[in-house]
């Protein structure tokens, strides 16, 4: 199925979760925030939040500094 990740169209398997997408992007889930259709998905719900065709994800990497 097709979804959009940070404005880029991608194919993911039917039934993919937010956690599945994060894993395919090789990102550490501790250092990112994910919105699906403008709704922030808490990290603890990434594995249970299933995606649907046409969903739009924004994945933001958290950066610390001073």
N, C-alpha and C. Protein backbone atom coordinates (compact mmCIF):
# COMPACT_ATOMS: atom_id res chain seq x y z
N UNK A 1 0.85 -1.17 0.00
CA UNK A 1 0.00 0.00 0.00
C UNK A 1 0.89 1.23 0.00
N UNK A 2 0.35 2.33 -0.46
CA UNK A 2 1.13 3.57 -0.55
C UNK A 2 0.79 4.50 0.62
N UNK A 3 1.85 5.04 1.24
CA UNK A 3 1.72 6.07 2.27
C UNK A 3 2.73 7.16 1.93
N UNK A 4 2.67 8.27 2.64
CA UNK A 4 3.64 9.35 2.45
C UNK A 4 4.41 9.51 3.75
N UNK A 5 5.73 9.54 3.63
CA UNK A 5 6.60 9.77 4.79
C UNK A 5 7.41 11.01 4.51
N UNK A 6 7.19 12.06 5.31
CA UNK A 6 7.88 13.34 5.12
C UNK A 6 7.79 13.78 3.66
N UNK A 7 6.58 13.77 3.13
CA UNK A 7 6.27 14.24 1.77
C UNK A 7 6.78 13.34 0.66
N UNK A 8 7.29 12.14 1.00
CA UNK A 8 7.78 11.21 -0.02
C UNK A 8 6.90 9.98 -0.04
N UNK A 9 6.38 9.63 -1.22
CA UNK A 9 5.51 8.46 -1.32
C UNK A 9 6.35 7.19 -1.20
N UNK A 10 5.83 6.25 -0.40
CA UNK A 10 6.52 4.97 -0.17
C UNK A 10 5.51 3.84 -0.22
N UNK A 11 6.00 2.66 -0.59
CA UNK A 11 5.20 1.45 -0.52
C UNK A 11 5.55 0.71 0.76
N UNK A 12 4.54 0.29 1.51
CA UNK A 12 4.74 -0.52 2.72
C UNK A 12 3.76 -1.69 2.65
N UNK A 13 4.06 -2.78 3.32
CA UNK A 13 3.14 -3.93 3.31
C UNK A 13 1.80 -3.60 3.98
N UNK A 14 0.75 -4.24 3.53
CA UNK A 14 -0.56 -4.11 4.19
C UNK A 14 -0.39 -4.50 5.65
N UNK A 15 -1.02 -3.77 6.55
CA UNK A 15 -0.96 -4.09 7.97
C UNK A 15 0.29 -3.60 8.67
N UNK A 16 1.13 -2.81 7.97
CA UNK A 16 2.35 -2.28 8.59
C UNK A 16 1.98 -1.33 9.72
N UNK A 17 2.83 -1.33 10.75
CA UNK A 17 2.63 -0.43 11.88
C UNK A 17 3.64 0.72 11.80
N UNK A 18 3.45 1.70 12.65
CA UNK A 18 4.41 2.80 12.75
C UNK A 18 5.78 2.22 13.09
N UNK A 19 5.84 1.27 14.01
CA UNK A 19 7.12 0.67 14.40
C UNK A 19 7.79 -0.01 13.21
N UNK A 20 7.01 -0.65 12.35
CA UNK A 20 7.58 -1.29 11.16
C UNK A 20 8.24 -0.26 10.25
N UNK A 21 7.57 0.86 10.06
CA UNK A 21 8.12 1.91 9.20
C UNK A 21 9.39 2.50 9.82
N UNK A 22 9.37 2.75 11.12
CA UNK A 22 10.55 3.28 11.80
C UNK A 22 11.73 2.32 11.62
N UNK A 23 11.46 1.03 11.73
CA UNK A 23 12.53 0.03 11.57
C UNK A 23 13.09 0.04 10.14
N UNK A 24 12.21 0.14 9.14
CA UNK A 24 12.69 0.14 7.76
C UNK A 24 13.49 1.40 7.45
N UNK A 25 13.25 2.47 8.19
CA UNK A 25 14.01 3.71 7.99
C UNK A 25 15.33 3.70 8.78
N UNK A 26 15.56 2.63 9.53
CA UNK A 26 16.79 2.48 10.34
C UNK A 26 16.96 3.63 11.34
N UNK A 27 15.85 4.00 11.97
CA UNK A 27 15.88 5.08 12.96
C UNK A 27 15.73 4.49 14.36
N UNK A 28 16.36 5.14 15.32
CA UNK A 28 16.23 4.74 16.72
C UNK A 28 14.95 5.36 17.26
N UNK A 29 13.96 4.54 17.65
CA UNK A 29 12.68 5.09 18.10
C UNK A 29 12.78 5.98 19.33
N UNK A 30 13.88 5.89 20.07
CA UNK A 30 14.04 6.74 21.25
C UNK A 30 14.28 8.20 20.89
N UNK A 31 14.72 8.45 19.66
CA UNK A 31 15.12 9.80 19.28
C UNK A 31 14.27 10.39 18.16
N UNK A 32 13.04 9.91 18.01
CA UNK A 32 12.16 10.45 16.98
C UNK A 32 10.76 10.69 17.54
N UNK A 33 10.02 11.50 16.83
CA UNK A 33 8.59 11.68 17.08
C UNK A 33 7.88 11.40 15.76
N UNK A 34 6.72 10.76 15.84
CA UNK A 34 5.99 10.39 14.63
C UNK A 34 4.56 10.91 14.73
N UNK A 35 4.14 11.60 13.67
CA UNK A 35 2.75 12.01 13.51
C UNK A 35 2.16 11.21 12.36
N UNK A 36 0.93 10.76 12.54
CA UNK A 36 0.18 10.13 11.46
C UNK A 36 -1.06 10.98 11.23
N UNK A 37 -1.17 11.52 10.04
CA UNK A 37 -2.30 12.39 9.69
C UNK A 37 -2.47 13.51 10.72
N UNK A 38 -1.34 14.13 11.08
CA UNK A 38 -1.26 15.28 12.00
C UNK A 38 -1.54 14.93 13.46
N UNK A 39 -1.60 13.64 13.80
CA UNK A 39 -1.82 13.21 15.18
C UNK A 39 -0.54 12.55 15.71
N UNK A 40 -0.01 13.09 16.80
CA UNK A 40 1.19 12.53 17.40
C UNK A 40 0.89 11.14 17.95
N UNK A 41 1.72 10.16 17.59
CA UNK A 41 1.54 8.79 18.06
C UNK A 41 2.57 8.55 19.16
N UNK A 42 2.13 8.33 20.40
CA UNK A 42 3.07 8.07 21.49
C UNK A 42 3.95 6.85 21.18
N UNK A 43 5.20 6.91 21.59
CA UNK A 43 6.16 5.84 21.31
C UNK A 43 5.62 4.47 21.73
N UNK A 44 4.94 4.40 22.85
CA UNK A 44 4.40 3.14 23.34
C UNK A 44 3.31 2.55 22.45
N UNK A 45 2.79 3.34 21.52
CA UNK A 45 1.73 2.88 20.62
C UNK A 45 2.24 2.61 19.20
N UNK A 46 3.54 2.81 18.95
CA UNK A 46 4.06 2.63 17.60
C UNK A 46 3.79 1.23 17.06
N UNK A 47 3.98 0.20 17.89
CA UNK A 47 3.80 -1.18 17.42
C UNK A 47 2.34 -1.52 17.17
N UNK A 48 1.43 -0.91 17.90
CA UNK A 48 0.01 -1.25 17.76
C UNK A 48 -0.73 -0.35 16.79
N UNK A 49 -0.11 0.76 16.38
CA UNK A 49 -0.79 1.69 15.47
C UNK A 49 -0.58 1.23 14.03
N UNK A 50 -1.61 0.61 13.47
CA UNK A 50 -1.55 0.10 12.09
C UNK A 50 -1.83 1.23 11.11
N UNK A 51 -1.13 1.19 10.00
CA UNK A 51 -1.27 2.22 8.98
C UNK A 51 -2.27 1.79 7.91
N UNK A 52 -2.85 2.79 7.25
CA UNK A 52 -3.80 2.55 6.16
C UNK A 52 -3.27 3.23 4.91
N UNK A 53 -3.71 2.73 3.77
CA UNK A 53 -3.31 3.35 2.50
C UNK A 53 -3.67 4.83 2.53
N UNK A 54 -2.73 5.65 2.06
CA UNK A 54 -2.96 7.09 2.00
C UNK A 54 -2.57 7.84 3.26
N UNK A 55 -2.18 7.13 4.33
CA UNK A 55 -1.76 7.83 5.55
C UNK A 55 -0.55 8.71 5.25
N UNK A 56 -0.47 9.82 5.98
CA UNK A 56 0.66 10.73 5.84
C UNK A 56 1.40 10.78 7.17
N UNK A 57 2.68 10.41 7.12
CA UNK A 57 3.51 10.41 8.32
C UNK A 57 4.52 11.54 8.26
N UNK A 58 4.76 12.12 9.40
CA UNK A 58 5.87 13.07 9.59
C UNK A 58 6.75 12.45 10.65
N UNK A 59 7.99 12.21 10.30
CA UNK A 59 8.96 11.63 11.24
C UNK A 59 10.00 12.70 11.50
N UNK A 60 10.14 13.07 12.77
CA UNK A 60 11.05 14.14 13.16
C UNK A 60 12.11 13.56 14.10
N UNK A 61 13.36 13.82 13.78
CA UNK A 61 14.47 13.38 14.63
C UNK A 61 14.72 14.43 15.68
N UNK A 62 14.83 13.99 16.93
CA UNK A 62 15.09 14.90 18.04
C UNK A 62 16.59 15.09 18.16
N UNK A 63 17.00 16.34 18.28
CA UNK A 63 18.42 16.67 18.36
C UNK A 63 18.65 17.51 19.60
N UNK A 64 19.62 17.12 20.41
CA UNK A 64 19.97 17.90 21.59
C UNK A 64 21.17 18.78 21.29
N UNK A 65 21.37 19.72 22.12
CA UNK A 65 22.52 20.58 21.92
C UNK A 65 22.47 21.76 22.87
N UNK A 66 23.44 22.60 22.74
CA UNK A 66 23.47 23.73 23.65
C UNK A 66 23.96 24.97 22.99
